[in-house]
Amino acid sequence: ALKNADTSTAMLSDKMTAVKSTGAEYCTAGDSSCLMHIGGGLSR
């Protein structure tokens, strides 16, 4: 995510679009690192 920030951000954008399409209150996963990434984008 640091070395390839533009690619990482584009992938995050796709993931956020998918999450928002569900209408979910919460997105869960088994890794805090991925949740930190997704959550940072969703909050912004």
PDB file of all heavy atoms in Angstrom:
ATOM      1  N   ALA A   1       0.817  -1.212   0.000  1.00  0.00           N
ATOM      2  CA  ALA A   1       0.000   0.000   0.000  1.00  0.00           C
ATOM      3  C   ALA A   1       0.852   1.263   0.000  1.00  0.00           C
ATOM      4  O   ALA A   1       0.388   2.323  -0.420  1.00  0.00           O
ATOM      5  CB  ALA A   1      -0.935  -0.003   1.205  1.00  0.00           C
ATOM      6  N   LEU A   2       2.085   1.152   0.488  1.00  0.00           N
ATOM      7  CA  LEU A   2       2.985   2.298   0.510  1.00  0.00           C
ATOM      8  C   LEU A   2       3.789   2.400  -0.787  1.00  0.00           C
ATOM      9  O   LEU A   2       3.960   3.481  -1.355  1.00  0.00           O
ATOM     10  CB  LEU A   2       3.937   2.197   1.702  1.00  0.00           C
ATOM     11  CG  LEU A   2       3.286   2.128   3.086  1.00  0.00           C
ATOM     12  CD1 LEU A   2       4.355   1.938   4.152  1.00  0.00           C
ATOM     13  CD2 LEU A   2       2.475   3.371   3.372  1.00  0.00           C
ATOM     14  N   LYS A   3       4.270   1.263  -1.248  1.00  0.00           N
ATOM     15  CA  LYS A   3       5.117   1.262  -2.445  1.00  0.00           C
ATOM     16  C   LYS A   3       4.317   1.418  -3.744  1.00  0.00           C
ATOM     17  O   LYS A   3       4.846   1.878  -4.751  1.00  0.00           O
ATOM     18  CB  LYS A   3       5.932  -0.031  -2.498  1.00  0.00           C
ATOM     19  CG  LYS A   3       6.960  -0.157  -1.378  1.00  0.00           C
ATOM     20  CD  LYS A   3       7.763  -1.435  -1.519  1.00  0.00           C
ATOM     21  CE  LYS A   3       8.854  -1.522  -0.469  1.00  0.00           C
ATOM     22  NZ  LYS A   3       9.670  -2.742  -0.607  1.00  0.00           N
ATOM     23  N   ASN A   4       3.073   0.991  -3.708  1.00  0.00           N
ATOM     24  CA  ASN A   4       2.217   1.061  -4.898  1.00  0.00           C
ATOM     25  C   ASN A   4       0.900   1.736  -4.523  1.00  0.00           C
ATOM     26  O   ASN A   4      -0.185   1.161  -4.656  1.00  0.00           O
ATOM     27  CB  ASN A   4       1.955  -0.342  -5.449  1.00  0.00           C
ATOM     28  CG  ASN A   4       3.222  -1.078  -5.814  1.00  0.00           C
ATOM     29  OD1 ASN A   4       3.764  -0.915  -6.893  1.00  0.00           O
ATOM     30  ND2 ASN A   4       3.709  -1.900  -4.887  1.00  0.00           N
ATOM     31  N   ALA A   5       1.003   2.955  -4.041  1.00  0.00           N
ATOM     32  CA  ALA A   5      -0.144   3.650  -3.459  1.00  0.00           C
ATOM     33  C   ALA A   5      -1.292   3.829  -4.453  1.00  0.00           C
ATOM     34  O   ALA A   5      -2.463   3.661  -4.094  1.00  0.00           O
ATOM     35  CB  ALA A   5       0.302   5.001  -2.906  1.00  0.00           C
ATOM     36  N   ASP A   6      -0.983   4.171  -5.695  1.00  0.00           N
ATOM     37  CA  ASP A   6      -2.053   4.408  -6.662  1.00  0.00           C
ATOM     38  C   ASP A   6      -2.834   3.135  -6.952  1.00  0.00           C
ATOM     39  O   ASP A   6      -4.074   3.147  -7.020  1.00  0.00           O
ATOM     40  CB  ASP A   6      -1.462   4.964  -7.968  1.00  0.00           C
ATOM     41  CG  ASP A   6      -0.930   6.375  -7.813  1.00  0.00           C
ATOM     42  OD1 ASP A   6      -1.296   7.035  -6.815  1.00  0.00           O
ATOM     43  OD2 ASP A   6      -0.144   6.817  -8.673  1.00  0.00           O
ATOM     44  N   THR A   7      -2.116   2.030  -7.130  1.00  0.00           N
ATOM     45  CA  THR A   7      -2.792   0.751  -7.378  1.00  0.00           C
ATOM     46  C   THR A   7      -3.597   0.328  -6.160  1.00  0.00           C
ATOM     47  O   THR A   7      -4.746  -0.128  -6.272  1.00  0.00           O
ATOM     48  CB  THR A   7      -1.759  -0.337  -7.724  1.00  0.00           C
ATOM     49  OG1 THR A   7      -1.002   0.076  -8.846  1.00  0.00           O
ATOM     50  CG2 THR A   7      -2.448  -1.662  -8.024  1.00  0.00           C
ATOM     51  N   SER A   8      -3.010   0.493  -4.992  1.00  0.00           N
ATOM     52  CA  SER A   8      -3.688   0.150  -3.751  1.00  0.00           C
ATOM     53  C   SER A   8      -4.976   0.939  -3.587  1.00  0.00           C
ATOM     54  O   SER A   8      -6.023   0.399  -3.207  1.00  0.00           O
ATOM     55  CB  SER A   8      -2.758   0.414  -2.556  1.00  0.00           C
ATOM     56  OG  SER A   8      -3.445   0.244  -1.341  1.00  0.00           O
ATOM     57  N   THR A   9      -4.923   2.229  -3.878  1.00  0.00           N
ATOM     58  CA  THR A   9      -6.098   3.088  -3.741  1.00  0.00           C
ATOM     59  C   THR A   9      -7.192   2.698  -4.727  1.00  0.00           C
ATOM     60  O   THR A   9      -8.384   2.716  -4.393  1.00  0.00           O
ATOM     61  CB  THR A   9      -5.707   4.561  -3.954  1.00  0.00           C
ATOM     62  OG1 THR A   9      -4.726   4.929  -2.991  1.00  0.00           O
ATOM     63  CG2 THR A   9      -6.914   5.471  -3.808  1.00  0.00           C
ATOM     64  N   ALA A  10      -6.802   2.323  -5.941  1.00  0.00           N
ATOM     65  CA  ALA A  10      -7.789   1.892  -6.934  1.00  0.00           C
ATOM     66  C   ALA A  10      -8.485   0.607  -6.488  1.00  0.00           C
ATOM     67  O   ALA A  10      -9.707   0.457  -6.644  1.00  0.00           O
ATOM     68  CB  ALA A  10      -7.110   1.688  -8.287  1.00  0.00           C
ATOM     69  N   MET A  11      -7.715  -0.319  -5.927  1.00  0.00           N
ATOM     70  CA  MET A  11      -8.301  -1.570  -5.432  1.00  0.00           C
ATOM     71  C   MET A  11      -9.227  -1.293  -4.253  1.00  0.00           C
ATOM     72  O   MET A  11     -10.301  -1.902  -4.127  1.00  0.00           O
ATOM     73  CB  MET A  11      -7.183  -2.537  -5.035  1.00  0.00           C
ATOM     74  CG  MET A  11      -6.322  -2.966  -6.213  1.00  0.00           C
ATOM     75  SD  MET A  11      -4.829  -3.851  -5.723  1.00  0.00           S
ATOM     76  CE  MET A  11      -5.521  -5.435  -5.251  1.00  0.00           C
ATOM     77  N   LEU A  12      -8.807  -0.388  -3.394  1.00  0.00           N
ATOM     78  CA  LEU A  12      -9.640  -0.011  -2.253  1.00  0.00           C
ATOM     79  C   LEU A  12     -10.954   0.602  -2.719  1.00  0.00           C
ATOM     80  O   LEU A  12     -12.017   0.317  -2.153  1.00  0.00           O
ATOM     81  CB  LEU A  12      -8.891   0.978  -1.363  1.00  0.00           C
ATOM     82  CG  LEU A  12      -9.693   1.612  -0.221  1.00  0.00           C
ATOM     83  CD1 LEU A  12     -10.181   0.541   0.747  1.00  0.00           C
ATOM     84  CD2 LEU A  12      -8.856   2.657   0.507  1.00  0.00           C
ATOM     85  N   SER A  13     -10.895   1.424  -3.743  1.00  0.00           N
ATOM     86  CA  SER A  13     -12.102   2.054  -4.266  1.00  0.00           C
ATOM     87  C   SER A  13     -13.119   1.010  -4.722  1.00  0.00           C
ATOM     88  O   SER A  13     -14.316   1.116  -4.442  1.00  0.00           O
ATOM     89  CB  SER A  13     -11.742   2.983  -5.428  1.00  0.00           C
ATOM     90  OG  SER A  13     -12.902   3.578  -5.979  1.00  0.00           O
ATOM     91  N   ASP A  14     -12.624  -0.024  -5.417  1.00  0.00           N
ATOM     92  CA  ASP A  14     -13.514  -1.104  -5.856  1.00  0.00           C
ATOM     93  C   ASP A  14     -14.125  -1.829  -4.658  1.00  0.00           C
ATOM     94  O   ASP A  14     -15.322  -2.165  -4.660  1.00  0.00           O
ATOM     95  CB  ASP A  14     -12.754  -2.101  -6.721  1.00  0.00           C
ATOM     96  CG  ASP A  14     -12.383  -1.540  -8.085  1.00  0.00           C
ATOM     97  OD1 ASP A  14     -12.957  -0.515  -8.480  1.00  0.00           O
ATOM     98  OD2 ASP A  14     -11.498  -2.135  -8.740  1.00  0.00           O
ATOM     99  N   LYS A  15     -13.303  -2.066  -3.648  1.00  0.00           N
ATOM    100  CA  LYS A  15     -13.799  -2.781  -2.458  1.00  0.00           C
ATOM    101  C   LYS A  15     -14.840  -1.938  -1.725  1.00  0.00           C
ATOM    102  O   LYS A  15     -15.868  -2.466  -1.267  1.00  0.00           O
ATOM    103  CB  LYS A  15     -12.632  -3.126  -1.535  1.00  0.00           C
ATOM    104  CG  LYS A  15     -13.015  -3.921  -0.292  1.00  0.00           C
ATOM    105  CD  LYS A  15     -13.674  -5.247  -0.613  1.00  0.00           C
ATOM    106  CE  LYS A  15     -12.730  -6.192  -1.350  1.00  0.00           C
ATOM    107  NZ  LYS A  15     -13.347  -7.546  -1.525  1.00  0.00           N
ATOM    108  N   MET A  16     -14.600  -0.647  -1.600  1.00  0.00           N
ATOM    109  CA  MET A  16     -15.559   0.227  -0.920  1.00  0.00           C
ATOM    110  C   MET A  16     -16.884   0.285  -1.672  1.00  0.00           C
ATOM    111  O   MET A  16     -17.959   0.302  -1.059  1.00  0.00           O
ATOM    112  CB  MET A  16     -14.984   1.628  -0.757  1.00  0.00           C
ATOM    113  CG  MET A  16     -13.865   1.726   0.247  1.00  0.00           C
ATOM    114  SD  MET A  16     -13.481   3.451   0.671  1.00  0.00           S
ATOM    115  CE  MET A  16     -12.983   4.093  -0.927  1.00  0.00           C
ATOM    116  N   THR A  17     -16.818   0.314  -2.998  1.00  0.00           N
ATOM    117  CA  THR A  17     -18.048   0.316  -3.800  1.00  0.00           C
ATOM    118  C   THR A  17     -18.869  -0.937  -3.527  1.00  0.00           C
ATOM    119  O   THR A  17     -20.094  -0.880  -3.385  1.00  0.00           O
ATOM    120  CB  THR A  17     -17.704   0.407  -5.307  1.00  0.00           C
ATOM    121  OG1 THR A  17     -17.034   1.642  -5.558  1.00  0.00           O
ATOM    122  CG2 THR A  17     -18.965   0.331  -6.154  1.00  0.00           C
ATOM    123  N   ALA A  18     -18.176  -2.065  -3.435  1.00  0.00           N
ATOM    124  CA  ALA A  18     -18.860  -3.327  -3.149  1.00  0.00           C
ATOM    125  C   ALA A  18     -19.474  -3.319  -1.754  1.00  0.00           C
ATOM    126  O   ALA A  18     -20.621  -3.738  -1.564  1.00  0.00           O
ATOM    127  CB  ALA A  18     -17.875  -4.492  -3.293  1.00  0.00           C
ATOM    128  N   VAL A  19     -18.716  -2.835  -0.779  1.00  0.00           N
ATOM    129  CA  VAL A  19     -19.225  -2.790   0.604  1.00  0.00           C
ATOM    130  C   VAL A  19     -20.451  -1.889   0.691  1.00  0.00           C
ATOM    131  O   VAL A  19     -21.477  -2.262   1.287  1.00  0.00           O
ATOM    132  CB  VAL A  19     -18.118  -2.305   1.567  1.00  0.00           C
ATOM    133  CG1 VAL A  19     -18.703  -2.020   2.954  1.00  0.00           C
ATOM    134  CG2 VAL A  19     -17.000  -3.335   1.676  1.00  0.00           C
ATOM    135  N   LYS A  20     -20.376  -0.727   0.094  1.00  0.00           N
ATOM    136  CA  LYS A  20     -21.488   0.222   0.184  1.00  0.00           C
ATOM    137  C   LYS A  20     -22.740  -0.298  -0.527  1.00  0.00           C
ATOM    138  O   LYS A  20     -23.865   0.017  -0.125  1.00  0.00           O
ATOM    139  CB  LYS A  20     -21.065   1.580  -0.384  1.00  0.00           C
ATOM    140  CG  LYS A  20     -20.089   2.324   0.523  1.00  0.00           C
ATOM    141  CD  LYS A  20     -19.787   3.729   0.047  1.00  0.00           C
ATOM    142  CE  LYS A  20     -18.807   3.750  -1.095  1.00  0.00           C
ATOM    143  NZ  LYS A  20     -18.360   5.134  -1.427  1.00  0.00           N
ATOM    144  N   SER A  21     -22.546  -1.122  -1.563  1.00  0.00           N
ATOM    145  CA  SER A  21     -23.697  -1.655  -2.294  1.00  0.00           C
ATOM    146  C   SER A  21     -24.536  -2.613  -1.456  1.00  0.00           C
ATOM    147  O   SER A  21     -25.699  -2.868  -1.772  1.00  0.00           O
ATOM    148  CB  SER A  21     -23.221  -2.374  -3.558  1.00  0.00           C
ATOM    149  OG  SER A  21     -22.633  -3.641  -3.257  1.00  0.00           O
ATOM    150  N   THR A  22     -23.956  -3.158  -0.395  1.00  0.00           N
ATOM    151  CA  THR A  22     -24.681  -4.119   0.447  1.00  0.00           C
ATOM    152  C   THR A  22     -25.627  -3.442   1.428  1.00  0.00           C
ATOM    153  O   THR A  22     -26.515  -4.087   1.984  1.00  0.00           O
ATOM    154  CB  THR A  22     -23.702  -4.990   1.261  1.00  0.00           C
ATOM    155  OG1 THR A  22     -23.011  -4.159   2.215  1.00  0.00           O
ATOM    156  CG2 THR A  22     -22.696  -5.681   0.354  1.00  0.00           C
ATOM    157  N   GLY A  23     -25.410  -2.155   1.687  1.00  0.00           N
ATOM    158  CA  GLY A  23     -26.213  -1.469   2.694  1.00  0.00           C
ATOM    159  C   GLY A  23     -25.905  -1.922   4.105  1.00  0.00           C
ATOM    160  O   GLY A  23     -26.686  -1.694   5.033  1.00  0.00           O
ATOM    161  N   ALA A  24     -24.756  -2.556   4.281  1.00  0.00           N
ATOM    162  CA  ALA A  24     -24.397  -3.085   5.600  1.00  0.00           C
ATOM    163  C   ALA A  24     -24.018  -1.975   6.568  1.00  0.00           C
ATOM    164  O   ALA A  24     -23.424  -0.962   6.169  1.00  0.00           O
ATOM    165  CB  ALA A  24     -23.245  -4.072   5.474  1.00  0.00           C
ATOM    166  N   GLU A  25     -24.343  -2.195   7.827  1.00  0.00           N
ATOM    167  CA  GLU A  25     -23.895  -1.282   8.878  1.00  0.00           C
ATOM    168  C   GLU A  25     -22.424  -1.522   9.205  1.00  0.00           C
ATOM    169  O   GLU A  25     -21.698  -0.603   9.584  1.00  0.00           O
ATOM    170  CB  GLU A  25     -24.719  -1.489  10.144  1.00  0.00           C
ATOM    171  CG  GLU A  25     -26.199  -1.225  10.011  1.00  0.00           C
ATOM    172  CD  GLU A  25     -26.934  -1.676  11.262  1.00  0.00           C
ATOM    173  OE1 GLU A  25     -26.795  -0.993  12.311  1.00  0.00           O
ATOM    174  OE2 GLU A  25     -27.623  -2.719  11.203  1.00  0.00           O
ATOM    175  N   TYR A  26     -22.017  -2.798   9.078  1.00  0.00           N
ATOM    176  CA  TYR A  26     -20.654  -3.187   9.429  1.00  0.00           C
ATOM    177  C   TYR A  26     -20.056  -4.081   8.354  1.00  0.00           C
ATOM    178  O   TYR A  26     -20.729  -4.947   7.787  1.00  0.00           O
ATOM    179  CB  TYR A  26     -20.633  -3.939  10.762  1.00  0.00           C
ATOM    180  CG  TYR A  26     -20.980  -3.095  11.950  1.00  0.00           C
ATOM    181  CD1 TYR A  26     -22.296  -3.030  12.410  1.00  0.00           C
ATOM    182  CD2 TYR A  26     -20.008  -2.352  12.626  1.00  0.00           C
ATOM    183  CE1 TYR A  26     -22.621  -2.245  13.514  1.00  0.00           C
ATOM    184  CE2 TYR A  26     -20.325  -1.576  13.717  1.00  0.00           C
ATOM    185  CZ  TYR A  26     -21.627  -1.523  14.154  1.00  0.00           C
ATOM    186  OH  TYR A  26     -21.953  -0.738  15.232  1.00  0.00           O
ATOM    187  N   CYS A  27     -18.769  -3.884   8.112  1.00  0.00           N
ATOM    188  CA  CYS A  27     -17.973  -4.804   7.300  1.00  0.00           C
ATOM    189  C   CYS A  27     -17.010  -5.501   8.245  1.00  0.00           C
ATOM    190  O   CYS A  27     -16.272  -4.841   8.988  1.00  0.00           O
ATOM    191  CB  CYS A  27     -17.211  -4.049   6.224  1.00  0.00           C
ATOM    192  SG  CYS A  27     -16.080  -5.085   5.245  1.00  0.00           S
ATOM    193  N   THR A  28     -17.000  -6.819   8.217  1.00  0.00           N
ATOM    194  CA  THR A  28     -16.137  -7.572   9.117  1.00  0.00           C
ATOM    195  C   THR A  28     -15.140  -8.408   8.339  1.00  0.00           C
ATOM    196  O   THR A  28     -15.311  -8.693   7.154  1.00  0.00           O
ATOM    197  CB  THR A  28     -16.955  -8.474  10.065  1.00  0.00           C
ATOM    198  OG1 THR A  28     -16.097  -8.995  11.091  1.00  0.00           O
ATOM    199  CG2 THR A  28     -17.592  -9.636   9.315  1.00  0.00           C
ATOM    200  N   ALA A  29     -14.065  -8.789   9.012  1.00  0.00           N
ATOM    201  CA  ALA A  29     -13.017  -9.625   8.435  1.00  0.00           C
ATOM    202  C   ALA A  29     -12.217 -10.217   9.576  1.00  0.00           C
ATOM    203  O   ALA A  29     -12.423  -9.864  10.747  1.00  0.00           O
ATOM    204  CB  ALA A  29     -12.119  -8.814   7.497  1.00  0.00           C
ATOM    205  N   GLY A  30     -11.270 -11.092   9.244  1.00  0.00           N
ATOM    206  CA  GLY A  30     -10.431 -11.732  10.253  1.00  0.00           C
ATOM    207  C   GLY A  30      -9.074 -11.094  10.417  1.00  0.00           C
ATOM    208  O   GLY A  30      -8.234 -11.613  11.150  1.00  0.00           O
ATOM    209  N   ASP A  31      -8.831  -9.957   9.741  1.00  0.00           N
ATOM    210  CA  ASP A  31      -7.547  -9.270   9.832  1.00  0.00           C
ATOM    211  C   ASP A  31      -7.756  -7.786  10.097  1.00  0.00           C
ATOM    212  O   ASP A  31      -8.408  -7.093   9.300  1.00  0.00           O
ATOM    213  CB  ASP A  31      -6.758  -9.430   8.534  1.00  0.00           C
ATOM    214  CG  ASP A  31      -5.980 -10.723   8.470  1.00  0.00           C
ATOM    215  OD1 ASP A  31      -6.553 -11.724   8.007  1.00  0.00           O
ATOM    216  OD2 ASP A  31      -4.812 -10.724   8.888  1.00  0.00           O
ATOM    217  N   SER A  32      -7.188  -7.287  11.170  1.00  0.00           N
ATOM    218  CA  SER A  32      -7.307  -5.861  11.492  1.00  0.00           C
ATOM    219  C   SER A  32      -6.633  -4.984  10.446  1.00  0.00           C
ATOM    220  O   SER A  32      -7.046  -3.840  10.228  1.00  0.00           O
ATOM    221  CB  SER A  32      -6.696  -5.581  12.869  1.00  0.00           C
ATOM    222  OG  SER A  32      -7.445  -6.202  13.898  1.00  0.00           O
ATOM    223  N   SER A  33      -5.582  -5.492   9.806  1.00  0.00           N
ATOM    224  CA  SER A  33      -4.865  -4.697   8.809  1.00  0.00           C
ATOM    225  C   SER A  33      -5.768  -4.350   7.630  1.00  0.00           C
ATOM    226  O   SER A  33      -5.821  -3.193   7.191  1.00  0.00           O
ATOM    227  CB  SER A  33      -3.628  -5.458   8.335  1.00  0.00           C
ATOM    228  OG  SER A  33      -3.974  -6.757   7.886  1.00  0.00           O
ATOM    229  N   CYS A  34      -6.483  -5.331   7.106  1.00  0.00           N
ATOM    230  CA  CYS A  34      -7.396  -5.078   5.985  1.00  0.00           C
ATOM    231  C   CYS A  34      -8.556  -4.188   6.427  1.00  0.00           C
ATOM    232  O   CYS A  34      -8.987  -3.310   5.668  1.00  0.00           O
ATOM    233  CB  CYS A  34      -7.921  -6.394   5.430  1.00  0.00           C
ATOM    234  SG  CYS A  34      -6.618  -7.462   4.782  1.00  0.00           S
ATOM    235  N   LEU A  35      -9.054  -4.416   7.629  1.00  0.00           N
ATOM    236  CA  LEU A  35     -10.139  -3.587   8.145  1.00  0.00           C
ATOM    237  C   LEU A  35      -9.680  -2.141   8.335  1.00  0.00           C
ATOM    238  O   LEU A  35     -10.462  -1.210   8.140  1.00  0.00           O
ATOM    239  CB  LEU A  35     -10.657  -4.158   9.464  1.00  0.00           C
ATOM    240  CG  LEU A  35     -11.419  -5.477   9.348  1.00  0.00           C
ATOM    241  CD1 LEU A  35     -11.722  -6.043  10.742  1.00  0.00           C
ATOM    242  CD2 LEU A  35     -12.718  -5.286   8.563  1.00  0.00           C
ATOM    243  N   MET A  36      -8.429  -1.952   8.732  1.00  0.00           N
ATOM    244  CA  MET A  36      -7.883  -0.605   8.874  1.00  0.00           C
ATOM    245  C   MET A  36      -7.886   0.102   7.521  1.00  0.00           C
ATOM    246  O   MET A  36      -8.253   1.276   7.416  1.00  0.00           O
ATOM    247  CB  MET A  36      -6.464  -0.677   9.429  1.00  0.00           C
ATOM    248  CG  MET A  36      -5.768   0.667   9.551  1.00  0.00           C
ATOM    249  SD  MET A  36      -4.104   0.527  10.262  1.00  0.00           S
ATOM    250  CE  MET A  36      -3.261  -0.367   8.932  1.00  0.00           C
ATOM    251  N   HIS A  37      -7.487  -0.625   6.488  1.00  0.00           N
ATOM    252  CA  HIS A  37      -7.434  -0.072   5.139  1.00  0.00           C
ATOM    253  C   HIS A  37      -8.841   0.269   4.630  1.00  0.00           C
ATOM    254  O   HIS A  37      -9.105   1.389   4.174  1.00  0.00           O
ATOM    255  CB  HIS A  37      -6.763  -1.087   4.220  1.00  0.00           C
ATOM    256  CG  HIS A  37      -6.429  -0.587   2.860  1.00  0.00           C
ATOM    257  ND1 HIS A  37      -5.630   0.509   2.645  1.00  0.00           N
ATOM    258  CD2 HIS A  37      -6.778  -1.056   1.624  1.00  0.00           C
ATOM    259  CE1 HIS A  37      -5.494   0.710   1.341  1.00  0.00           C
ATOM    260  NE2 HIS A  37      -6.178  -0.227   0.703  1.00  0.00           N
ATOM    261  N   ILE A  38      -9.745  -0.699   4.734  1.00  0.00           N
ATOM    262  CA  ILE A  38     -11.112  -0.494   4.265  1.00  0.00           C
ATOM    263  C   ILE A  38     -11.812   0.577   5.100  1.00  0.00           C
ATOM    264  O   ILE A  38     -12.487   1.468   4.565  1.00  0.00           O
ATOM    265  CB  ILE A  38     -11.904  -1.818   4.316  1.00  0.00           C
ATOM    266  CG1 ILE A  38     -11.287  -2.841   3.360  1.00  0.00           C
ATOM    267  CG2 ILE A  38     -13.372  -1.583   3.965  1.00  0.00           C
ATOM    268  CD1 ILE A  38     -11.830  -4.251   3.526  1.00  0.00           C
ATOM    269  N   GLY A  39     -11.640   0.490   6.413  1.00  0.00           N
ATOM    270  CA  GLY A  39     -12.297   1.444   7.303  1.00  0.00           C
ATOM    271  C   GLY A  39     -11.814   2.862   7.093  1.00  0.00           C
ATOM    272  O   GLY A  39     -12.590   3.821   7.187  1.00  0.00           O
ATOM    273  N   GLY A  40     -10.519   3.018   6.801  1.00  0.00           N
ATOM    274  CA  GLY A  40      -9.988   4.347   6.538  1.00  0.00           C
ATOM    275  C   GLY A  40     -10.643   4.974   5.322  1.00  0.00           C
ATOM    276  O   GLY A  40     -11.002   6.155   5.325  1.00  0.00           O
ATOM    277  N   GLY A  41     -10.809   4.164   4.280  1.00  0.00           N
ATOM    278  CA  GLY A  41     -11.458   4.670   3.072  1.00  0.00           C
ATOM    279  C   GLY A  41     -12.919   4.994   3.298  1.00  0.00           C
ATOM    280  O   GLY A  41     -13.414   6.039   2.861  1.00  0.00           O
ATOM    281  N   LEU A  42     -13.629   4.115   3.993  1.00  0.00           N
ATOM    282  CA  LEU A  42     -15.059   4.331   4.247  1.00  0.00           C
ATOM    283  C   LEU A  42     -15.289   5.584   5.089  1.00  0.00           C
ATOM    284  O   LEU A  42     -16.231   6.339   4.850  1.00  0.00           O
ATOM    285  CB  LEU A  42     -15.657   3.107   4.944  1.00  0.00           C
ATOM    286  CG  LEU A  42     -15.767   1.830   4.105  1.00  0.00           C
ATOM    287  CD1 LEU A  42     -16.197   0.660   4.979  1.00  0.00           C
ATOM    288  CD2 LEU A  42     -16.751   2.019   2.944  1.00  0.00           C
ATOM    289  N   SER A  43     -14.431   5.801   6.060  1.00  0.00           N
ATOM    290  CA  SER A  43     -14.610   6.971   6.925  1.00  0.00           C
ATOM    291  C   SER A  43     -14.379   8.265   6.153  1.00  0.00           C
ATOM    292  O   SER A  43     -15.065   9.272   6.385  1.00  0.00           O
ATOM    293  CB  SER A  43     -13.665   6.898   8.132  1.00  0.00           C
ATOM    294  OG  SER A  43     -12.310   7.032   7.732  1.00  0.00           O
ATOM    295  N   ARG A  44     -13.437   8.239   5.228  1.00  0.00           N
ATOM    296  CA  ARG A  44     -13.131   9.454   4.458  1.00  0.00           C
ATOM    297  C   ARG A  44     -14.212   9.796   3.446  1.00  0.00           C
ATOM    298  O   ARG A  44     -14.346  10.952   3.039  1.00  0.00           O
ATOM    299  CB  ARG A  44     -11.772   9.306   3.762  1.00  0.00           C
ATOM    300  CG  ARG A  44     -10.600   9.466   4.729  1.00  0.00           C
ATOM    301  CD  ARG A  44      -9.301   8.974   4.140  1.00  0.00           C
ATOM    302  NE  ARG A  44      -8.174   9.223   5.024  1.00  0.00           N
ATOM    303  CZ  ARG A  44      -7.902   8.527   6.126  1.00  0.00           C
ATOM    304  NH1 ARG A  44      -8.705   7.515   6.477  1.00  0.00           N
ATOM    305  NH2 ARG A  44      -6.859   8.819   6.880  1.00  0.00           N
TER     306      ARG A  44
END
